[in-house]
């Protein structure tokens, strides 16, 4: 009797794969899946122009409609992250170039695609390096472009948005600014406020008066200590 020839592993796998029916998607469903996966620049620009005015500018009215479509409030922090991704220059406005830059990076050309990325955009605030970049970006984004510094009212609003929930000394600092001589905050002061909020304890015990802090923060520490002594 002749010995039975053993099949190779390759032959067995081939035979098994051949017996498994391949899943086939209907043409319409396949097209929809492809659209969801592939970024289309033309479609992205068409989406942009849905929100532009008569002169082709996406301004405050268009921004409000855009926020409504994606389901977020205009003051939601995720909108700041999105503007950061676009490197938008002015609050309340997106140019077509900014729109394309940010949404190409995110690979979003529709409302549904962007909505699917909102949670990951919010997570940027949990990354210290990303948060620092967003914080620094926010200064130039929010300030009046006719001024080199940011007025204190805008600064307080932005600080409340960015640090209000995590920096326990935010409200005392806002109160200090209200009664102080300061009417604007420059970028160096702005950046140091973040470092102060991250490194200085609430009781101010580790604050070094001889450190390289701006005079504004020296004055804030003195004011807060004096207030504590007199209360």
Protein backbone atom coordinates (compact mmCIF):
# COMPACT_ATOMS: atom_id res chain seq x y z
CA UNK A 1 0.00 0.00 0.00
CA UNK A 2 1.33 3.43 -0.93
CA UNK A 3 1.89 5.92 1.94
CA UNK A 4 -0.61 8.75 2.02
CA UNK A 5 1.01 12.07 1.19
CA UNK A 6 0.77 14.62 4.00
CA UNK A 7 -0.49 18.06 3.04
CA UNK A 8 1.71 21.02 3.89
CA UNK A 9 0.62 23.69 6.36
CA UNK A 10 0.32 26.17 3.50
CA UNK A 11 -2.05 23.85 1.64
CA UNK A 12 -4.19 23.31 4.72
CA UNK A 13 -4.44 27.08 5.47
CA UNK A 14 -5.27 27.80 1.86
CA UNK A 15 -8.04 25.21 1.86
CA UNK A 16 -9.48 26.49 5.14
CA UNK A 17 -9.44 30.11 3.98
CA UNK A 18 -11.12 29.12 0.75
CA UNK A 19 -13.96 27.51 2.72
CA UNK A 20 -14.63 30.68 4.77
CA UNK A 21 -17.03 32.96 2.92
CA UNK A 22 -15.71 36.51 2.57
CA UNK A 23 -17.89 39.29 3.90
CA UNK A 24 -19.08 41.49 1.10
CA UNK A 25 -20.53 44.95 1.63
CA UNK A 26 -23.24 46.35 -0.64
CA UNK A 27 -21.88 48.98 -3.01
CA UNK A 28 -23.63 51.88 -1.23
CA UNK A 29 -22.37 50.77 2.18
CA UNK A 30 -18.85 50.31 0.86
CA UNK A 31 -18.90 53.82 -0.60
CA UNK A 32 -20.09 55.24 2.73
CA UNK A 33 -17.31 53.46 4.60
CA UNK A 34 -14.72 54.76 2.16
CA UNK A 35 -16.05 58.30 2.57
CA UNK A 36 -15.78 58.01 6.35
CA UNK A 37 -12.17 56.84 6.13
CA UNK A 38 -10.76 59.07 3.38
CA UNK A 39 -10.16 62.80 3.83
CA UNK A 40 -11.41 64.94 0.96
CA UNK A 41 -9.94 68.43 0.76
CA UNK A 42 -12.56 69.65 -1.70
CA UNK A 43 -15.34 68.43 0.59
CA UNK A 44 -13.62 70.11 3.54
CA UNK A 45 -13.52 73.48 1.74
CA UNK A 46 -17.13 73.09 0.68
CA UNK A 47 -18.00 72.54 4.35
CA UNK A 48 -16.08 75.72 5.26
CA UNK A 49 -18.07 77.83 2.81
CA UNK A 50 -21.28 76.69 4.47
CA UNK A 51 -20.40 79.12 7.27
CA UNK A 52 -18.92 82.06 5.34
CA UNK A 53 -20.57 85.43 4.75
CA UNK A 54 -20.99 87.40 1.53
CA UNK A 55 -17.29 88.21 1.36
CA UNK A 56 -16.23 84.61 1.94
CA UNK A 57 -15.23 85.11 5.58
CA UNK A 58 -16.07 82.77 8.45
CA UNK A 59 -16.88 85.27 11.20
CA UNK A 60 -18.89 85.35 14.45
CA UNK A 61 -22.24 84.43 12.87
CA UNK A 62 -20.75 81.55 10.93
CA UNK A 63 -18.82 80.44 14.02
CA UNK A 64 -22.04 80.28 16.00
CA UNK A 65 -23.65 78.11 13.33
CA UNK A 66 -20.55 75.89 13.15
CA UNK A 67 -20.62 75.38 16.93
CA UNK A 68 -24.32 74.55 16.75
CA UNK A 69 -23.68 71.95 14.04
CA UNK A 70 -20.93 70.16 15.95
CA UNK A 71 -22.84 70.40 19.22
CA UNK A 72 -20.53 72.53 21.37
CA UNK A 73 -20.91 75.96 22.98
CA UNK A 74 -18.70 78.72 21.53
CA UNK A 75 -17.05 79.14 24.96
CA UNK A 76 -16.30 75.41 25.25
CA UNK A 77 -12.56 74.86 25.75
CA UNK A 78 -12.53 72.40 22.87
CA UNK A 79 -13.05 75.34 20.51
CA UNK A 80 -9.79 76.85 21.79
CA UNK A 81 -8.01 73.56 21.11
CA UNK A 82 -9.49 73.48 17.61
CA UNK A 83 -8.34 77.07 16.98
CA UNK A 84 -4.88 76.05 18.26
CA UNK A 85 -4.82 73.15 15.80
CA UNK A 86 -5.68 75.60 13.02
CA UNK A 87 -3.25 78.22 14.36
CA UNK A 88 -6.09 80.70 13.95
CA UNK A 89 -4.98 84.30 14.40
CA UNK A 90 -8.20 85.98 15.56
CA UNK A 91 -10.89 84.89 18.00
CA UNK A 92 -14.24 84.36 16.29
CA UNK A 93 -12.72 84.00 12.81
CA UNK A 94 -11.27 81.15 10.73
CA UNK A 95 -9.66 81.72 7.35
CA UNK A 96 -9.91 78.99 4.73
CA UNK A 97 -6.17 78.33 5.08
CA UNK A 98 -6.49 77.95 8.86
CA UNK A 99 -9.52 75.71 8.44
CA UNK A 100 -7.69 73.46 5.99
CA UNK A 101 -4.55 73.30 8.12
CA UNK A 102 -6.35 72.13 11.26
CA UNK A 103 -8.89 69.83 9.68
CA UNK A 104 -6.34 68.24 7.35
CA UNK A 105 -4.27 67.37 10.40
CA UNK A 106 -7.37 65.96 12.08
CA UNK A 107 -8.51 64.29 8.82
CA UNK A 108 -12.00 65.77 9.20
CA UNK A 109 -14.14 66.92 6.29
CA UNK A 110 -17.59 66.61 7.87
CA UNK A 111 -19.54 67.27 11.06
CA UNK A 112 -19.59 63.59 12.02
CA UNK A 113 -15.85 63.17 11.61
CA UNK A 114 -15.09 66.22 13.74
CA UNK A 115 -17.58 65.16 16.40
CA UNK A 116 -15.74 61.84 16.64
CA UNK A 117 -12.51 63.75 17.43
CA UNK A 118 -13.86 66.14 20.07
CA UNK A 119 -13.04 63.90 23.03
CA UNK A 120 -9.45 63.40 21.88
CA UNK A 121 -9.12 67.18 21.47
CA UNK A 122 -10.30 67.68 25.06
CA UNK A 123 -7.66 65.23 26.23
CA UNK A 124 -4.99 67.72 25.10
CA UNK A 125 -5.58 69.51 28.41
CA UNK A 126 -4.34 66.43 30.26
CA UNK A 127 -0.98 66.63 28.49
CA UNK A 128 1.24 69.21 30.30
CA UNK A 129 3.24 70.08 27.17
CA UNK A 130 0.14 70.42 24.97
CA UNK A 131 -1.60 72.49 27.65
CA UNK A 132 1.38 74.83 27.94
CA UNK A 133 1.37 75.32 24.17
CA UNK A 134 -2.38 76.00 24.14
CA UNK A 135 -2.05 78.41 27.09
CA UNK A 136 0.70 80.40 25.35
CA UNK A 137 -1.24 80.38 22.08
CA UNK A 138 -4.36 81.70 23.85
CA UNK A 139 -2.63 84.99 24.69
CA UNK A 140 -2.09 86.11 21.09
CA UNK A 141 -5.37 84.55 19.99
CA UNK A 142 -7.50 86.46 22.48
CA UNK A 143 -5.76 89.84 22.75
CA UNK A 144 -6.85 92.85 20.74
CA UNK A 145 -4.61 92.83 17.66
CA UNK A 146 -4.26 96.62 17.88
CA UNK A 147 -2.56 96.24 21.26
CA UNK A 148 0.70 94.52 22.23
CA UNK A 149 -0.71 93.47 25.61
CA UNK A 150 -3.99 91.93 26.74
CA UNK A 151 -6.48 94.02 28.69
CA UNK A 152 -7.12 92.68 32.19
CA UNK A 153 -10.81 91.91 31.61
CA UNK A 154 -10.00 89.63 28.70
CA UNK A 155 -7.10 88.16 30.68
CA UNK A 156 -9.35 87.29 33.61
CA UNK A 157 -11.88 85.62 31.33
CA UNK A 158 -9.19 83.54 29.64
CA UNK A 159 -7.46 82.66 32.92
CA UNK A 160 -10.77 81.57 34.39
CA UNK A 161 -11.38 79.40 31.33
CA UNK A 162 -7.90 77.86 31.38
CA UNK A 163 -6.94 77.80 35.07
CA UNK A 164 -10.12 78.55 37.01
CA UNK A 165 -10.90 74.93 37.86
CA UNK A 166 -7.37 73.78 38.66
CA UNK A 167 -5.68 76.81 40.26
CA UNK A 168 -7.06 77.45 43.74
CA UNK A 169 -5.57 80.93 43.80
CA UNK A 170 -7.28 82.06 40.61
CA UNK A 171 -10.08 84.00 42.37
CA UNK A 172 -7.72 85.75 44.82
CA UNK A 173 -5.53 86.66 41.85
CA UNK A 174 -8.54 88.06 39.96
CA UNK A 175 -9.50 90.07 43.07
CA UNK A 176 -5.93 91.38 43.30
CA UNK A 177 -6.00 92.49 39.67
CA UNK A 178 -9.33 94.30 40.21
CA UNK A 179 -7.91 96.48 42.99
CA UNK A 180 -4.48 96.95 41.42
CA UNK A 181 -3.01 99.53 39.07
CA UNK A 182 -2.75 96.98 36.26
CA UNK A 183 -4.89 97.54 33.18
CA UNK A 184 -3.06 95.18 30.83
CA UNK A 185 -1.07 91.94 31.15
CA UNK A 186 1.94 91.41 28.92
CA UNK A 187 3.00 88.05 27.52
CA UNK A 188 5.84 87.53 29.99
CA UNK A 189 3.43 88.05 32.89
CA UNK A 190 0.91 85.75 31.21
CA UNK A 191 3.42 82.90 30.82
CA UNK A 192 4.68 83.32 34.38
CA UNK A 193 1.16 83.10 35.79
CA UNK A 194 0.98 79.55 34.43
CA UNK A 195 4.35 78.62 35.95
CA UNK A 196 3.28 80.19 39.24
CA UNK A 197 0.01 78.21 39.27
CA UNK A 198 1.93 74.98 38.66
CA UNK A 199 4.84 75.41 41.03
CA UNK A 200 3.76 77.61 43.96
CA UNK A 201 1.76 76.06 46.78
CA UNK A 202 -1.54 77.56 47.90
CA UNK A 203 0.00 78.69 51.20
CA UNK A 204 2.80 80.46 49.25
CA UNK A 205 5.43 78.86 51.50
CA UNK A 206 7.68 77.95 48.57
CA UNK A 207 7.50 81.36 46.89
CA UNK A 208 10.95 82.95 46.61
CA UNK A 209 10.70 86.72 46.67
CA UNK A 210 14.20 86.86 45.19
CA UNK A 211 13.25 84.57 42.33
CA UNK A 212 12.84 85.69 38.73
CA UNK A 213 9.09 86.31 39.02
CA UNK A 214 7.49 89.42 37.47
CA UNK A 215 6.85 92.31 39.86
CA UNK A 216 3.11 91.71 39.40
CA UNK A 217 3.38 88.31 41.10
CA UNK A 218 5.59 89.70 43.90
CA UNK A 219 2.88 92.28 44.54
CA UNK A 220 0.16 89.62 44.41
CA UNK A 221 1.97 87.50 47.03
CA UNK A 222 2.44 90.55 49.32
CA UNK A 223 -1.19 91.55 48.89
CA UNK A 224 -2.45 88.04 49.65
CA UNK A 225 -0.24 87.68 52.73
CA UNK A 226 -1.31 91.07 54.06
CA UNK A 227 -4.93 90.21 53.44
CA UNK A 228 -4.49 86.97 55.38
CA UNK A 229 -2.85 88.78 58.31
CA UNK A 230 -5.60 91.39 58.46
CA UNK A 231 -8.52 88.97 58.18
